[in-house]
Amino acid sequence: MTKNRTKIIATVGPSCSDVNVLSSMIESGVNCFRVNLSHGTQNEKKSYFDLINSVSDASNETRPAILADLAGPKVRIRNIDKSFKLSEGQIVTVSSGEKGDAIIPISKGLIFKNHDPDAKIMINDGKVCLEIIELLNESSFKCKTIVPGKIKSKKGVNFLGVTLNVPSLTSQDENDLALALENGADWVALSFTRTAIDFSLVKSKIKEHGYNTPVMAKIEKWEAVKNLDSIVQAFDGVMVARGDLGVELPLEQVPVIQKNIIKKAKLYGKPVVIATQMLDSMIENPVPTRAEVSDIANSILDGADALMVTGETAMGKFPSGVIDVLSDVINETEKTLKYYSRTIGKDTVDSIAGGISHAACTIAKDLDLKSIVTMTQSGGTARMVSSFRPAANVYAMTTLKTTFRALSIIWGVVPVLINKYSSADEMPEIAKQKLLEMKAINYDEKFIITGGVPVNVPGTTNYISIL
């Protein structure tokens, strides 16, 4: 059973490519492992899925959840013969077509549609900044160097205030998506999401493969911030990817944007993950900085469902130590949460399941009940109950391992696998028996249960009871 309500997602990599290390990380509090599909061969990527599939989660009922993180349409500098340095004020051309002197060649095939008057191009996470002077043609910009620096092959390129005609899913993404689904991905994260339409594109590809895996939008583009409401409503979850977001937008805006994304996600009952540089110093050092600990605590207090570490566990020297620190900070910070004040902060309840979820949280508070059980197929009601942030423990009981694992990253939800049942009359006894087995309640202790009739049909939550 998960001891902390805020969940932990850890990225696999060379530093944790051993079953024993992964098992130690699970013991320390990992709920889900991320596979970064931006790097490596197909065989190397598959090896990480195989590794995760070989270990058991904290409940010993199944393996941990897997988040497959697609590379997306990342723009990079193409291979150049020799790196060179730009000086301040130097005029240079950025082109997705031609190569040559005073030309920075970037990913082929990009078409520039339009740009704002103050548009800029950031290279290597903003270490080099260019101001766009004019659009020379659909594949080239004339630019002036604002922040000088070195130009090297394969460094990332971000366009601020420029509309790019690039696919949401690249050919590499389509191959990686098929690999991920075939090897057990429980969530798919779409990098560089720009509009709500991106969800339909990815979801249709997932369904073509015969799956219904939930999709998470990574908010890291200025267009995504602009289209935030529609993106949060469309996608199954969102991730605040602070790395590229801090390049696409002024750094001082990122904390407020992060808080706004969390607020929107809670409003629409969608999970939100905070990622990038959570414990960056622990790649090399065994102890985090005070600022990192404060950042983690504030993300928890703001209402994040999960915190995600990347290089800290994939390449760092102390992968298990990173998880220990996260767990300790989560545990300590959650002692201060004011649950009910957050519960009534939800603005709208616009569905039967939403109304029942809100009622369950309110009743639990008013009657001081410690447990809410949701009998669920899709996990939708459990996510909705979680979004109200109740003080009561939330137990999502499901017969489906896919739902069990997908719920592993949802705030405060304890997923529970149960045997299949055929009638609504069985649900109360199944729920009570499971809670007693888990020592979650005493024999005479009351709890709330929600469910749907007909049973075993997703999206039919229509009753609530106190047992």
Protein backbone atom coordinates (compact mmCIF):
# COMPACT_ATOMS: atom_id res chain seq x y z
CA MET A 1 0.00 0.00 0.00
CA THR A 2 1.31 3.43 -0.91
CA LYS A 3 2.21 5.43 2.18
CA ASN A 4 2.40 8.82 0.44
CA ARG A 5 -0.46 10.43 -1.46
CA THR A 6 1.72 12.31 -3.92
CA LYS A 7 3.13 9.74 -6.33
CA ILE A 8 6.66 9.27 -7.68
CA ILE A 9 7.67 8.62 -11.30
CA ALA A 10 11.30 7.66 -11.95
CA THR A 11 13.09 7.47 -15.29
CA VAL A 12 14.99 4.28 -16.09
CA GLY A 13 18.48 4.46 -17.56
CA PRO A 14 22.02 3.15 -17.17
CA SER A 15 22.12 3.99 -13.45
CA CYS A 16 19.14 1.78 -12.66
CA SER A 17 19.39 -0.95 -15.28
CA ASP A 18 19.56 -3.69 -12.64
CA VAL A 19 16.55 -5.52 -11.17
CA ASN A 20 17.87 -5.11 -7.64
CA VAL A 21 18.21 -1.34 -8.03
CA LEU A 22 14.69 -1.09 -9.45
CA SER A 23 13.32 -3.20 -6.60
CA SER A 24 15.06 -0.92 -4.10
CA MET A 25 13.53 2.13 -5.76
CA ILE A 26 10.07 0.55 -5.58
CA GLU A 27 10.62 -0.19 -1.90
CA SER A 28 11.56 3.47 -1.40
CA GLY A 29 8.36 4.70 -3.02
CA VAL A 30 8.40 4.60 -6.85
CA ASN A 31 4.90 4.15 -8.28
CA CYS A 32 5.71 4.34 -11.98
CA PHE A 33 8.76 4.09 -14.24
CA ARG A 34 9.28 6.35 -17.24
CA VAL A 35 10.92 5.09 -20.42
CA ASN A 36 12.45 7.99 -22.36
CA LEU A 37 11.95 7.13 -26.04
CA SER A 38 14.03 10.07 -27.30
CA HIS A 39 17.28 8.11 -27.19
CA GLY A 40 18.62 4.70 -28.13
CA THR A 41 17.86 1.94 -30.62
CA GLN A 42 14.61 -0.03 -30.63
CA ASN A 43 16.39 -2.93 -28.93
CA GLU A 44 17.78 -0.64 -26.22
CA LYS A 45 14.34 0.85 -25.60
CA LYS A 46 12.74 -2.59 -25.45
CA SER A 47 15.33 -3.71 -22.90
CA TYR A 48 14.00 -1.12 -20.44
CA PHE A 49 10.42 -2.33 -20.89
CA ASP A 50 11.65 -5.89 -20.32
CA LEU A 51 13.46 -4.78 -17.17
CA ILE A 52 10.36 -3.12 -15.68
CA ASN A 53 8.19 -6.07 -16.66
CA SER A 54 10.50 -8.35 -14.68
CA VAL A 55 9.88 -6.73 -11.27
CA SER A 56 6.86 -6.56 -8.95
CA ASP A 57 5.26 -3.37 -7.68
CA ALA A 58 4.88 -2.50 -3.99
CA SER A 59 1.64 -4.53 -3.71
CA ASN A 60 3.25 -7.64 -5.28
CA GLU A 61 0.09 -7.97 -7.40
CA THR A 62 1.53 -6.78 -10.71
CA ARG A 63 4.53 -4.96 -12.10
CA PRO A 64 4.86 -1.16 -11.68
CA ALA A 65 3.17 1.23 -14.08
CA ILE A 66 5.08 2.32 -17.19
CA LEU A 67 5.00 5.81 -18.69
CA ALA A 68 6.20 5.81 -22.31
CA ASP A 69 7.53 9.28 -23.14
CA LEU A 70 7.52 9.94 -26.90
CA ALA A 71 10.27 12.16 -28.31
CA GLY A 72 7.90 14.37 -30.30
CA PRO A 73 8.92 16.84 -33.02
CA LYS A 74 12.06 18.15 -31.31
CA VAL A 75 14.00 20.51 -33.57
CA ARG A 76 17.78 20.19 -33.50
CA ILE A 77 20.84 21.50 -35.31
CA ARG A 78 21.83 19.10 -38.07
CA ASN A 79 25.29 17.62 -38.31
CA ILE A 80 27.85 20.31 -39.08
CA ASP A 81 31.47 19.70 -40.03
CA LYS A 82 32.84 21.84 -37.23
CA SER A 83 31.30 23.78 -34.35
CA PHE A 84 31.59 27.56 -34.55
CA LYS A 85 30.99 30.55 -32.31
CA LEU A 86 28.55 33.40 -32.91
CA SER A 87 29.48 36.87 -31.70
CA GLU A 88 27.02 39.45 -30.41
CA GLY A 89 25.28 41.29 -33.26
CA GLN A 90 26.38 38.76 -35.89
CA ILE A 91 23.88 38.19 -38.70
CA VAL A 92 23.16 34.54 -39.45
CA THR A 93 20.61 32.45 -41.34
CA VAL A 94 18.68 29.61 -39.69
CA SER A 95 17.46 27.16 -42.33
CA SER A 96 15.71 23.80 -42.50
CA GLY A 97 16.82 23.47 -46.11
CA GLU A 98 20.20 24.73 -47.19
CA LYS A 99 23.65 24.45 -45.64
CA GLY A 100 26.59 26.83 -46.07
CA ASP A 101 28.65 29.62 -44.55
CA ALA A 102 26.79 31.74 -41.96
CA ILE A 103 23.92 29.23 -42.03
CA ILE A 104 22.74 27.21 -39.03
CA PRO A 105 21.17 24.05 -40.51
CA ILE A 106 18.27 22.63 -38.47
CA SER A 107 15.97 19.60 -38.80
CA LYS A 108 14.97 19.07 -42.43
CA GLY A 109 11.48 19.68 -43.73
CA LEU A 110 10.41 22.41 -41.29
CA ILE A 111 8.11 25.02 -42.79
CA PHE A 112 7.78 28.40 -41.08
CA LYS A 113 4.23 29.71 -41.40
CA ASN A 114 4.36 33.05 -39.56
CA HIS A 115 6.06 34.79 -36.66
CA ASP A 116 5.48 37.53 -34.09
CA PRO A 117 7.35 40.86 -34.42
CA ASP A 118 9.54 40.04 -31.39
CA ALA A 119 10.06 36.35 -32.25
CA LYS A 120 13.29 34.68 -31.14
CA ILE A 121 15.19 31.44 -31.68
CA MET A 122 16.79 29.78 -28.64
CA ILE A 123 19.60 27.25 -29.12
CA ASN A 124 20.98 24.76 -26.57
CA ASP A 125 18.41 25.55 -23.86
CA GLY A 126 18.77 29.30 -24.37
CA LYS A 127 22.56 29.46 -24.15
CA VAL A 128 22.44 31.11 -27.60
CA CYS A 129 19.64 33.53 -28.49
CA LEU A 130 18.83 34.90 -31.95
CA GLU A 131 16.39 37.66 -32.83
CA ILE A 132 14.44 37.07 -36.04
CA ILE A 133 14.88 39.93 -38.50
CA GLU A 134 12.89 38.59 -41.45
CA LEU A 135 11.46 35.49 -43.07
CA LEU A 136 13.60 34.86 -46.15
CA ASN A 137 11.46 31.98 -47.42
CA GLU A 138 9.29 29.22 -45.94
CA SER A 139 12.37 27.37 -44.66
CA SER A 140 14.77 30.17 -43.65
CA PHE A 141 14.99 33.07 -41.21
CA LYS A 142 17.50 35.92 -41.21
CA CYS A 143 18.55 36.51 -37.59
CA LYS A 144 20.69 38.73 -35.37
CA THR A 145 22.69 37.24 -32.50
CA ILE A 146 21.52 38.60 -29.13
CA VAL A 147 23.22 36.12 -26.79
CA PRO A 148 26.45 34.83 -28.36
CA GLY A 149 27.75 31.31 -27.98
CA LYS A 150 28.90 28.10 -29.63
CA ILE A 151 26.88 26.29 -32.31
CA LYS A 152 27.22 22.50 -32.15
CA SER A 153 25.57 19.56 -33.89
CA LYS A 154 22.41 18.01 -32.38
CA LYS A 155 21.72 20.84 -29.92
CA GLY A 156 18.04 21.63 -29.37
CA VAL A 157 16.37 24.61 -31.06
CA ASN A 158 13.27 26.39 -29.70
CA PHE A 159 11.18 28.93 -31.61
CA LEU A 160 9.51 31.63 -29.53
CA GLY A 161 6.61 33.34 -31.26
CA VAL A 162 6.97 31.24 -34.43
CA THR A 163 4.28 28.94 -35.81
CA LEU A 164 5.88 25.77 -37.13
CA ASN A 165 4.34 23.36 -39.59
CA VAL A 166 5.54 20.14 -37.97
CA PRO A 167 3.69 16.87 -37.30
CA SER A 168 2.64 16.12 -33.73
CA LEU A 169 3.79 12.53 -34.24
CA THR A 170 6.97 11.85 -36.17
CA SER A 171 7.75 8.55 -37.92
CA GLN A 172 10.04 7.73 -34.99
CA ASP A 173 7.16 8.41 -32.58
CA GLU A 174 4.88 6.04 -34.47
CA ASN A 175 7.46 3.25 -34.28
CA ASP A 176 8.12 3.98 -30.61
CA LEU A 177 4.40 4.07 -29.83
CA ALA A 178 3.91 0.60 -31.33
CA LEU A 179 6.89 -0.70 -29.33
CA ALA A 180 5.61 0.86 -26.10
CA LEU A 181 2.07 -0.48 -26.45
CA GLU A 182 3.26 -3.98 -27.31
CA ASN A 183 5.49 -3.98 -24.23
CA GLY A 184 3.01 -2.78 -21.64
CA ALA A 185 2.90 1.04 -21.55
CA ASP A 186 0.19 2.17 -19.11
CA TRP A 187 0.49 5.87 -20.00
CA VAL A 188 1.78 7.63 -23.11
CA ALA A 189 3.25 11.13 -22.82
CA LEU A 190 3.20 13.36 -25.91
CA SER A 191 6.12 15.77 -26.07
CA PHE A 192 5.67 19.28 -27.48
CA THR A 193 1.87 19.21 -27.40
CA ARG A 194 0.49 22.34 -29.04
CA THR A 195 -3.29 21.97 -29.33
CA ALA A 196 -6.13 19.73 -28.14
CA ILE A 197 -6.26 18.20 -31.64
CA ASP A 198 -2.98 16.43 -30.86
CA PHE A 199 -4.88 14.17 -28.45
CA SER A 200 -7.20 12.82 -31.15
CA LEU A 201 -4.25 12.06 -33.41
CA VAL A 202 -2.34 10.07 -30.78
CA LYS A 203 -5.45 8.35 -29.42
CA SER A 204 -6.49 7.20 -32.89
CA LYS A 205 -3.03 5.67 -33.42
CA ILE A 206 -3.30 3.90 -30.06
CA LYS A 207 -6.71 2.47 -30.98
CA GLU A 208 -5.34 1.29 -34.33
CA HIS A 209 -3.06 -0.97 -32.30
CA GLY A 210 -6.02 -2.27 -30.27
CA TYR A 211 -5.37 -0.37 -27.03
CA ASN A 212 -7.07 2.40 -25.05
CA THR A 213 -4.00 3.64 -23.16
CA PRO A 214 -4.41 7.11 -21.55
CA VAL A 215 -2.42 9.99 -23.04
CA MET A 216 -0.68 12.77 -21.14
CA ALA A 217 0.09 16.17 -22.69
CA LYS A 218 3.51 17.59 -21.93
CA ILE A 219 3.15 21.34 -21.49
CA GLU A 220 6.45 22.72 -22.78
CA LYS A 221 5.51 24.92 -25.76
CA TRP A 222 4.27 28.50 -25.72
CA GLU A 223 1.34 27.35 -27.89
CA ALA A 224 0.37 24.80 -25.22
CA VAL A 225 0.22 27.51 -22.55
CA LYS A 226 -1.93 29.59 -24.88
CA ASN A 227 -4.29 26.61 -25.48
CA LEU A 228 -4.14 25.28 -21.92
CA ASP A 229 -7.87 25.03 -21.19
CA SER A 230 -8.73 22.98 -24.26
CA ILE A 231 -5.65 20.77 -23.85
CA VAL A 232 -6.42 19.93 -20.21
CA GLN A 233 -10.03 19.12 -21.12
CA ALA A 234 -9.05 16.90 -24.06
CA PHE A 235 -6.14 14.89 -22.65
CA ASP A 236 -6.26 12.25 -19.90
CA GLY A 237 -3.56 14.06 -17.91
CA VAL A 238 -0.91 16.78 -18.18
CA MET A 239 2.76 17.14 -17.35
CA VAL A 240 4.52 20.41 -16.55
CA ALA A 241 7.77 19.84 -18.48
CA ARG A 242 9.72 22.73 -17.03
CA GLY A 243 12.89 22.23 -19.08
CA ASP A 244 11.72 23.33 -22.51
CA LEU A 245 8.97 25.46 -20.96
CA GLY A 246 11.68 27.53 -19.29
CA VAL A 247 13.28 28.07 -22.69
CA GLU A 248 10.08 28.80 -24.59
CA LEU A 249 8.96 31.37 -22.01
CA PRO A 250 10.77 33.73 -19.62
CA LEU A 251 12.01 31.76 -16.60
CA GLU A 252 10.28 34.10 -14.16
CA GLN A 253 6.90 33.12 -15.64
CA VAL A 254 7.34 29.35 -15.16
CA PRO A 255 6.39 29.13 -11.42
CA VAL A 256 3.09 30.96 -11.97
CA ILE A 257 2.36 28.93 -15.11
CA GLN A 258 3.03 25.74 -13.13
CA LYS A 259 0.53 26.77 -10.46
CA ASN A 260 -2.05 27.63 -13.12
CA ILE A 261 -1.63 24.26 -14.87
CA ILE A 262 -2.13 22.44 -11.55
CA LYS A 263 -5.23 24.51 -10.84
CA LYS A 264 -6.72 23.77 -14.28
CA ALA A 265 -5.97 20.05 -13.98
CA LYS A 266 -7.72 19.83 -10.60
CA LEU A 267 -10.66 21.80 -11.98
CA TYR A 268 -11.22 19.27 -14.77
CA GLY A 269 -10.36 16.22 -12.66
CA LYS A 270 -7.18 15.38 -14.58
CA PRO A 271 -3.88 14.20 -13.05
CA VAL A 272 -0.90 16.57 -13.26
CA VAL A 273 2.78 15.62 -13.10
CA ILE A 274 5.60 18.06 -12.26
CA ALA A 275 8.89 17.26 -13.99
CA THR A 276 12.43 18.47 -14.69
CA GLN A 277 15.24 19.37 -12.31
CA MET A 278 13.41 18.25 -9.18
CA LEU A 279 16.66 17.00 -7.64
CA ASP A 280 19.19 17.88 -10.33
CA SER A 281 22.07 18.31 -7.89
CA MET A 282 21.69 14.66 -6.83
CA ILE A 283 22.97 13.50 -10.21
CA GLU A 284 26.39 14.07 -8.65
CA ASN A 285 25.75 14.71 -4.94
CA PRO A 286 24.13 12.49 -2.27
CA VAL A 287 22.32 15.44 -0.63
CA PRO A 288 19.91 17.88 -2.37
CA THR A 289 19.99 21.65 -2.14
CA ARG A 290 17.56 23.49 0.15
CA ALA A 291 16.04 25.15 -2.91
CA GLU A 292 15.26 21.75 -4.47
CA VAL A 293 13.55 20.54 -1.30
CA SER A 294 11.52 23.75 -1.20
CA ASP A 295 10.55 23.30 -4.87
CA ILE A 296 9.33 19.76 -4.19
CA ALA A 297 7.32 20.86 -1.15
CA ASN A 298 5.68 23.71 -3.05
CA SER A 299 4.68 21.38 -5.89
CA ILE A 300 3.01 19.12 -3.33
CA LEU A 301 1.27 22.01 -1.58
CA ASP A 302 0.01 23.31 -4.95
CA GLY A 303 -1.65 19.94 -5.58
CA ALA A 304 0.55 17.93 -7.96
CA ASP A 305 -0.53 14.31 -8.42
CA ALA A 306 2.99 13.08 -9.06
CA LEU A 307 6.59 14.25 -9.14
CA MET A 308 8.88 12.94 -11.87
CA VAL A 309 12.65 12.61 -11.83
CA THR A 310 14.64 12.14 -15.04
CA GLY A 311 18.44 12.30 -15.17
CA GLU A 312 18.57 11.96 -11.38
CA THR A 313 17.69 8.26 -11.62
CA ALA A 314 18.55 7.52 -15.27
CA MET A 315 22.16 8.72 -15.12
CA GLY A 316 22.77 9.86 -11.55
CA LYS A 317 25.04 8.30 -8.95
CA PHE A 318 22.32 7.84 -6.31
CA PRO A 319 19.07 6.59 -7.95
CA SER A 320 17.68 4.98 -4.77
CA GLY A 321 18.80 7.94 -2.66
CA VAL A 322 16.84 10.29 -4.93
CA ILE A 323 13.65 8.31 -4.25
CA ASP A 324 14.36 8.29 -0.50
CA VAL A 325 14.62 12.09 -0.52
CA LEU A 326 11.42 12.50 -2.54
CA SER A 327 9.52 10.14 -0.23
CA ASP A 328 10.76 11.90 2.89
CA VAL A 329 9.84 15.37 1.61
CA ILE A 330 6.43 14.16 0.43
CA ASN A 331 5.72 12.48 3.76
CA GLU A 332 6.70 15.53 5.79
CA THR A 333 4.91 18.05 3.56
CA GLU A 334 1.67 16.09 3.43
CA LYS A 335 1.34 16.38 7.21
CA THR A 336 0.51 20.07 6.68
CA LEU A 337 -2.14 19.71 3.94
CA LYS A 338 -5.58 21.16 4.63
CA TYR A 339 -7.69 18.69 2.72
CA TYR A 340 -11.23 19.97 3.10
CA SER A 341 -10.39 23.56 2.15
CA ARG A 342 -9.10 22.16 -1.13
CA THR A 343 -12.12 19.91 -1.59
CA ILE A 344 -14.59 22.80 -1.68
CA GLY A 345 -12.31 24.75 -4.01
CA LYS A 346 -13.52 22.73 -7.02
CA ASP A 347 -15.53 25.05 -9.24
CA THR A 348 -17.78 22.76 -11.27
CA VAL A 349 -19.40 19.33 -11.08
CA ASP A 350 -21.00 18.64 -14.44
CA SER A 351 -21.65 14.87 -14.50
CA ILE A 352 -23.31 12.16 -12.42
CA ALA A 353 -19.91 10.64 -11.61
CA GLY A 354 -18.59 14.08 -10.69
CA GLY A 355 -21.54 14.75 -8.40
CA ILE A 356 -21.19 11.37 -6.69
CA SER A 357 -17.44 11.90 -6.30
CA HIS A 358 -17.96 15.30 -4.68
CA ALA A 359 -20.68 13.87 -2.44
CA ALA A 360 -18.40 11.03 -1.33
CA CYS A 361 -15.70 13.49 -0.27
CA THR A 362 -18.17 15.76 1.51
CA ILE A 363 -19.84 12.89 3.39
CA ALA A 364 -16.46 11.48 4.38
CA LYS A 365 -15.51 14.85 5.83
CA ASP A 366 -18.83 15.46 7.60
CA LEU A 367 -19.00 11.96 9.14
CA ASP A 368 -15.24 11.68 9.69
CA LEU A 369 -15.03 8.50 7.63
CA LYS A 370 -11.53 7.32 6.81
CA SER A 371 -12.12 5.33 3.61
CA ILE A 372 -13.75 5.89 0.21
CA VAL A 373 -14.00 2.88 -2.12
CA THR A 374 -14.63 3.31 -5.85
CA MET A 375 -15.54 0.16 -7.78
CA THR A 376 -14.14 1.09 -11.17
CA GLN A 377 -13.44 -0.22 -14.65
CA SER A 378 -11.95 2.80 -16.40
CA GLY A 379 -10.63 4.54 -13.26
CA GLY A 380 -12.59 7.70 -14.07
CA THR A 381 -14.45 7.95 -10.77
CA ALA A 382 -11.28 7.34 -8.76
CA ARG A 383 -9.58 10.18 -10.63
CA MET A 384 -12.54 12.45 -9.98
CA VAL A 385 -12.62 11.64 -6.25
CA SER A 386 -8.88 12.29 -6.11
CA SER A 387 -9.27 15.69 -7.75
CA PHE A 388 -11.26 16.89 -4.71
CA ARG A 389 -8.29 15.96 -2.50
CA PRO A 390 -10.23 14.30 0.36
CA ALA A 391 -8.67 13.56 3.74
CA ALA A 392 -10.11 10.03 3.51
CA ASN A 393 -8.09 7.26 1.89
CA VAL A 394 -9.27 6.44 -1.65
CA TYR A 395 -9.29 2.76 -2.65
CA ALA A 396 -9.89 2.12 -6.36
CA MET A 397 -11.00 -1.50 -6.70
CA THR A 398 -10.80 -2.88 -10.22
CA THR A 399 -10.67 -6.21 -12.00
CA LEU A 400 -8.38 -4.83 -14.71
CA LYS A 401 -4.60 -4.73 -14.36
CA THR A 402 -4.38 -1.95 -16.95
CA THR A 403 -6.65 0.28 -14.85
CA PHE A 404 -4.83 -0.77 -11.67
CA ARG A 405 -1.50 0.38 -13.08
CA ALA A 406 -2.81 3.55 -14.75
CA LEU A 407 -4.20 4.68 -11.38
CA SER A 408 -0.77 4.30 -9.77
CA ILE A 409 0.12 7.93 -10.56
CA ILE A 410 -3.13 9.47 -9.27
CA TRP A 411 -2.89 11.47 -6.04
CA GLY A 412 -4.11 9.64 -2.95
CA VAL A 413 -5.47 6.63 -4.85
CA VAL A 414 -4.58 3.14 -3.64
CA PRO A 415 -5.31 0.79 -6.57
CA VAL A 416 -6.61 -2.63 -5.51
CA LEU A 417 -6.95 -5.66 -7.79
CA ILE A 418 -10.06 -7.76 -7.19
CA ASN A 419 -11.64 -10.82 -8.80
CA LYS A 420 -14.36 -10.33 -11.38
CA TYR A 421 -17.93 -10.05 -10.08
CA SER A 422 -21.26 -10.26 -11.88
CA SER A 423 -23.79 -8.29 -9.82
CA ALA A 424 -24.06 -5.08 -7.84
CA ASP A 425 -25.06 -7.07 -4.76
CA GLU A 426 -21.53 -8.52 -4.56
CA MET A 427 -19.73 -5.17 -4.47
CA PRO A 428 -20.23 -4.19 -0.80
CA GLU A 429 -19.00 -7.54 0.53
CA ILE A 430 -16.03 -7.63 -1.89
CA ALA A 431 -15.04 -4.10 -0.87
CA LYS A 432 -15.33 -4.78 2.86
CA GLN A 433 -13.43 -8.06 2.63
CA LYS A 434 -10.58 -6.41 0.72
CA LEU A 435 -10.33 -3.51 3.17
CA LEU A 436 -10.20 -5.96 6.09
CA GLU A 437 -7.52 -8.05 4.35
CA MET A 438 -5.47 -4.88 3.85
CA LYS A 439 -6.07 -3.87 7.48
CA ALA A 440 -7.41 -0.58 6.11
CA ILE A 441 -10.49 -0.66 8.39
CA ASN A 442 -11.70 -2.30 11.59
CA TYR A 443 -14.55 -4.83 11.30
CA ASP A 444 -17.27 -2.42 12.49
CA GLU A 445 -15.82 0.67 10.81
CA LYS A 446 -18.03 2.44 8.27
CA PHE A 447 -16.82 3.43 4.81
CA ILE A 448 -18.21 4.98 1.62
CA ILE A 449 -18.57 3.00 -1.59
CA THR A 450 -19.38 4.22 -5.11
CA GLY A 451 -20.15 2.07 -8.11
CA GLY A 452 -22.17 1.67 -11.26
CA VAL A 453 -25.03 -0.46 -12.52
CA PRO A 454 -24.83 -2.36 -14.82
CA VAL A 455 -21.57 -3.69 -13.38
CA ASN A 456 -18.31 -4.05 -15.29
CA VAL A 457 -19.25 -1.30 -17.74
CA PRO A 458 -16.93 1.73 -17.84
CA GLY A 459 -18.43 5.15 -17.18
CA THR A 460 -21.59 4.04 -15.37
CA THR A 461 -20.98 5.30 -11.81
CA ASN A 462 -24.48 6.08 -10.53
CA TYR A 463 -24.73 5.17 -6.85
CA ILE A 464 -23.16 5.90 -3.48
CA SER A 465 -23.64 4.12 -0.18
CA ILE A 466 -22.33 4.13 3.40
CA LEU A 467 -21.58 0.68 4.77
